Amino acid sequence: MYIDKNDNSLILLLNVAGIAVAYVMLGISLWLSTDVPLATKGYWGMAVLLLTLSLVNVVKYRFDNKSSDDRLRRIEEARNEKLLEEALSDPKSEI
């Protein structure tokens, strides 16, 4: 089974670039905003970093769950195929 990873790597690259641009733009806006006190800027920065961490964890756990479900499905398919082969090759089942 061949999986083309070129499309996935391109999409991943675009997403990483978008995240980097968003962080840079947020940093510039926080740096240049003179009306906002430094403590508020720090809270905004921490909020963005913690939100990013939470989103990474959510995606990881969803991916792990999907991978686990796929693994269980493949095991069940293999077990069913083996049972079918045993049933068809069993001489007692022939009439």
C-alpha atoms as a PDB file:
ATOM      1  CA  MET A   1       0.000   0.000   0.000  1.00  0.00           C
ATOM      2  CA  TYR A   2       1.619   3.246  -1.211  1.00  0.00           C
ATOM      3  CA  ILE A   3       0.739   6.560   0.412  1.00  0.00           C
ATOM      4  CA  ASP A   4       1.744   9.742  -1.390  1.00  0.00           C
ATOM      5  CA  LYS A   5       3.222  11.987   1.290  1.00  0.00           C
ATOM      6  CA  ASN A   6       4.091  14.887  -1.027  1.00  0.00           C
ATOM      7  CA  ASP A   7       0.653  16.489  -0.720  1.00  0.00           C
ATOM      8  CA  ASN A   8       0.663  16.102   3.044  1.00  0.00           C
ATOM      9  CA  SER A   9       4.109  17.661   3.392  1.00  0.00           C
ATOM     10  CA  LEU A  10       3.089  20.625   1.225  1.00  0.00           C
ATOM     11  CA  ILE A  11      -0.044  21.210   3.297  1.00  0.00           C
ATOM     12  CA  LEU A  12       1.979  20.860   6.496  1.00  0.00           C
ATOM     13  CA  LEU A  13       4.544  23.355   5.192  1.00  0.00           C
ATOM     14  CA  LEU A  14       1.811  25.866   4.340  1.00  0.00           C
ATOM     15  CA  ASN A  15       0.248  25.469   7.780  1.00  0.00           C
ATOM     16  CA  VAL A  16       3.580  25.931   9.555  1.00  0.00           C
ATOM     17  CA  ALA A  17       4.286  29.018   7.444  1.00  0.00           C
ATOM     18  CA  GLY A  18       0.843  30.413   8.300  1.00  0.00           C
ATOM     19  CA  ILE A  19       1.444  29.835  12.005  1.00  0.00           C
ATOM     20  CA  ALA A  20       4.854  31.512  11.808  1.00  0.00           C
ATOM     21  CA  VAL A  21       3.382  34.529   9.999  1.00  0.00           C
ATOM     22  CA  ALA A  22       0.571  34.757  12.577  1.00  0.00           C
ATOM     23  CA  TYR A  23       3.074  34.697  15.461  1.00  0.00           C
ATOM     24  CA  VAL A  24       5.254  37.334  13.796  1.00  0.00           C
ATOM     25  CA  MET A  25       2.264  39.585  13.112  1.00  0.00           C
ATOM     26  CA  LEU A  26       0.999  39.144  16.685  1.00  0.00           C
ATOM     27  CA  GLY A  27       4.463  39.940  18.048  1.00  0.00           C
ATOM     28  CA  ILE A  28       4.720  43.063  15.903  1.00  0.00           C
ATOM     29  CA  SER A  29       1.275  44.253  16.933  1.00  0.00           C
ATOM     30  CA  LEU A  30       2.048  43.690  20.616  1.00  0.00           C
ATOM     31  CA  TRP A  31       5.431  45.401  20.266  1.00  0.00           C
ATOM     32  CA  LEU A  32       4.068  48.444  18.456  1.00  0.00           C
ATOM     33  CA  SER A  33       0.923  48.957  20.547  1.00  0.00           C
ATOM     34  CA  THR A  34       1.771  51.742  22.965  1.00  0.00           C
ATOM     35  CA  ASP A  35      -1.689  52.005  24.540  1.00  0.00           C
ATOM     36  CA  VAL A  36      -1.549  48.503  26.048  1.00  0.00           C
ATOM     37  CA  PRO A  37       0.465  48.027  29.264  1.00  0.00           C
ATOM     38  CA  LEU A  38       3.310  45.502  29.288  1.00  0.00           C
ATOM     39  CA  ALA A  39       1.506  43.197  31.750  1.00  0.00           C
ATOM     40  CA  THR A  40      -1.462  42.894  29.381  1.00  0.00           C
ATOM     41  CA  LYS A  41       0.866  42.130  26.494  1.00  0.00           C
ATOM     42  CA  GLY A  42       2.415  39.338  28.570  1.00  0.00           C
ATOM     43  CA  TYR A  43      -0.995  37.845  29.347  1.00  0.00           C
ATOM     44  CA  TRP A  44      -1.943  37.939  25.661  1.00  0.00           C
ATOM     45  CA  GLY A  45       1.330  36.267  24.713  1.00  0.00           C
ATOM     46  CA  MET A  46       0.871  33.535  27.325  1.00  0.00           C
ATOM     47  CA  ALA A  47      -2.703  32.991  26.197  1.00  0.00           C
ATOM     48  CA  VAL A  48      -1.649  32.530  22.586  1.00  0.00           C
ATOM     49  CA  LEU A  49       1.147  30.118  23.512  1.00  0.00           C
ATOM     50  CA  LEU A  50      -1.115  28.058  25.793  1.00  0.00           C
ATOM     51  CA  LEU A  51      -3.849  27.988  23.156  1.00  0.00           C
ATOM     52  CA  THR A  52      -1.302  26.723  20.631  1.00  0.00           C
ATOM     53  CA  LEU A  53      -0.163  24.026  23.051  1.00  0.00           C
ATOM     54  CA  SER A  54      -3.765  22.965  23.653  1.00  0.00           C
ATOM     55  CA  LEU A  55      -4.506  22.782  19.941  1.00  0.00           C
ATOM     56  CA  VAL A  56      -1.410  20.659  19.320  1.00  0.00           C
ATOM     57  CA  ASN A  57      -2.506  18.275  22.074  1.00  0.00           C
ATOM     58  CA  VAL A  58      -6.056  18.024  20.704  1.00  0.00           C
ATOM     59  CA  VAL A  59      -4.779  17.216  17.222  1.00  0.00           C
ATOM     60  CA  LYS A  60      -2.313  14.662  18.623  1.00  0.00           C
ATOM     61  CA  TYR A  61      -4.969  12.878  20.682  1.00  0.00           C
ATOM     62  CA  ARG A  62      -7.413  12.821  17.761  1.00  0.00           C
ATOM     63  CA  PHE A  63      -4.676  11.402  15.507  1.00  0.00           C
ATOM     64  CA  ASP A  64      -3.767   8.769  18.117  1.00  0.00           C
ATOM     65  CA  ASN A  65      -7.426   7.807  18.499  1.00  0.00           C
ATOM     66  CA  LYS A  66      -7.880   7.486  14.734  1.00  0.00           C
ATOM     67  CA  SER A  67      -4.685   5.433  14.476  1.00  0.00           C
ATOM     68  CA  SER A  68      -5.855   3.130  17.274  1.00  0.00           C
ATOM     69  CA  ASP A  69      -9.262   2.654  15.642  1.00  0.00           C
ATOM     70  CA  ASP A  70      -7.582   1.872  12.321  1.00  0.00           C
ATOM     71  CA  ARG A  71      -5.270  -0.652  13.966  1.00  0.00           C
ATOM     72  CA  LEU A  72      -8.201  -2.393  15.678  1.00  0.00           C
ATOM     73  CA  ARG A  73     -10.118  -2.485  12.392  1.00  0.00           C
ATOM     74  CA  ARG A  74      -7.159  -4.090  10.600  1.00  0.00           C
ATOM     75  CA  ILE A  75      -6.755  -6.681  13.374  1.00  0.00           C
ATOM     76  CA  GLU A  76     -10.453  -7.531  13.189  1.00  0.00           C
ATOM     77  CA  GLU A  77     -10.315  -7.837   9.396  1.00  0.00           C
ATOM     78  CA  ALA A  78      -7.305 -10.168   9.633  1.00  0.00           C
ATOM     79  CA  ARG A  79      -9.041 -12.272  12.287  1.00  0.00           C
ATOM     80  CA  ASN A  80     -12.196 -12.525  10.169  1.00  0.00           C
ATOM     81  CA  GLU A  81     -10.167 -13.476   7.107  1.00  0.00           C
ATOM     82  CA  LYS A  82      -8.338 -16.184   9.058  1.00  0.00           C
ATOM     83  CA  LEU A  83     -11.625 -17.568  10.405  1.00  0.00           C
ATOM     84  CA  LEU A  84     -13.048 -17.613   6.890  1.00  0.00           C
ATOM     85  CA  GLU A  85      -9.989 -19.462   5.543  1.00  0.00           C
ATOM     86  CA  GLU A  86     -10.198 -22.004   8.359  1.00  0.00           C
ATOM     87  CA  ALA A  87     -13.912 -22.540   7.748  1.00  0.00           C
ATOM     88  CA  LEU A  88     -13.400 -23.060   4.021  1.00  0.00           C
ATOM     89  CA  SER A  89     -10.445 -25.427   4.434  1.00  0.00           C
ATOM     90  CA  ASP A  90     -12.056 -27.516   7.203  1.00  0.00           C
ATOM     91  CA  PRO A  91     -12.872 -30.988   5.751  1.00  0.00           C
ATOM     92  CA  LYS A  92     -15.616 -31.549   8.336  1.00  0.00           C
ATOM     93  CA  SER A  93     -17.648 -28.660   6.987  1.00  0.00           C
ATOM     94  CA  GLU A  94     -18.000 -30.285   3.559  1.00  0.00           C
ATOM     95  CA  ILE A  95     -21.290 -32.039   2.951  1.00  0.00           C
END
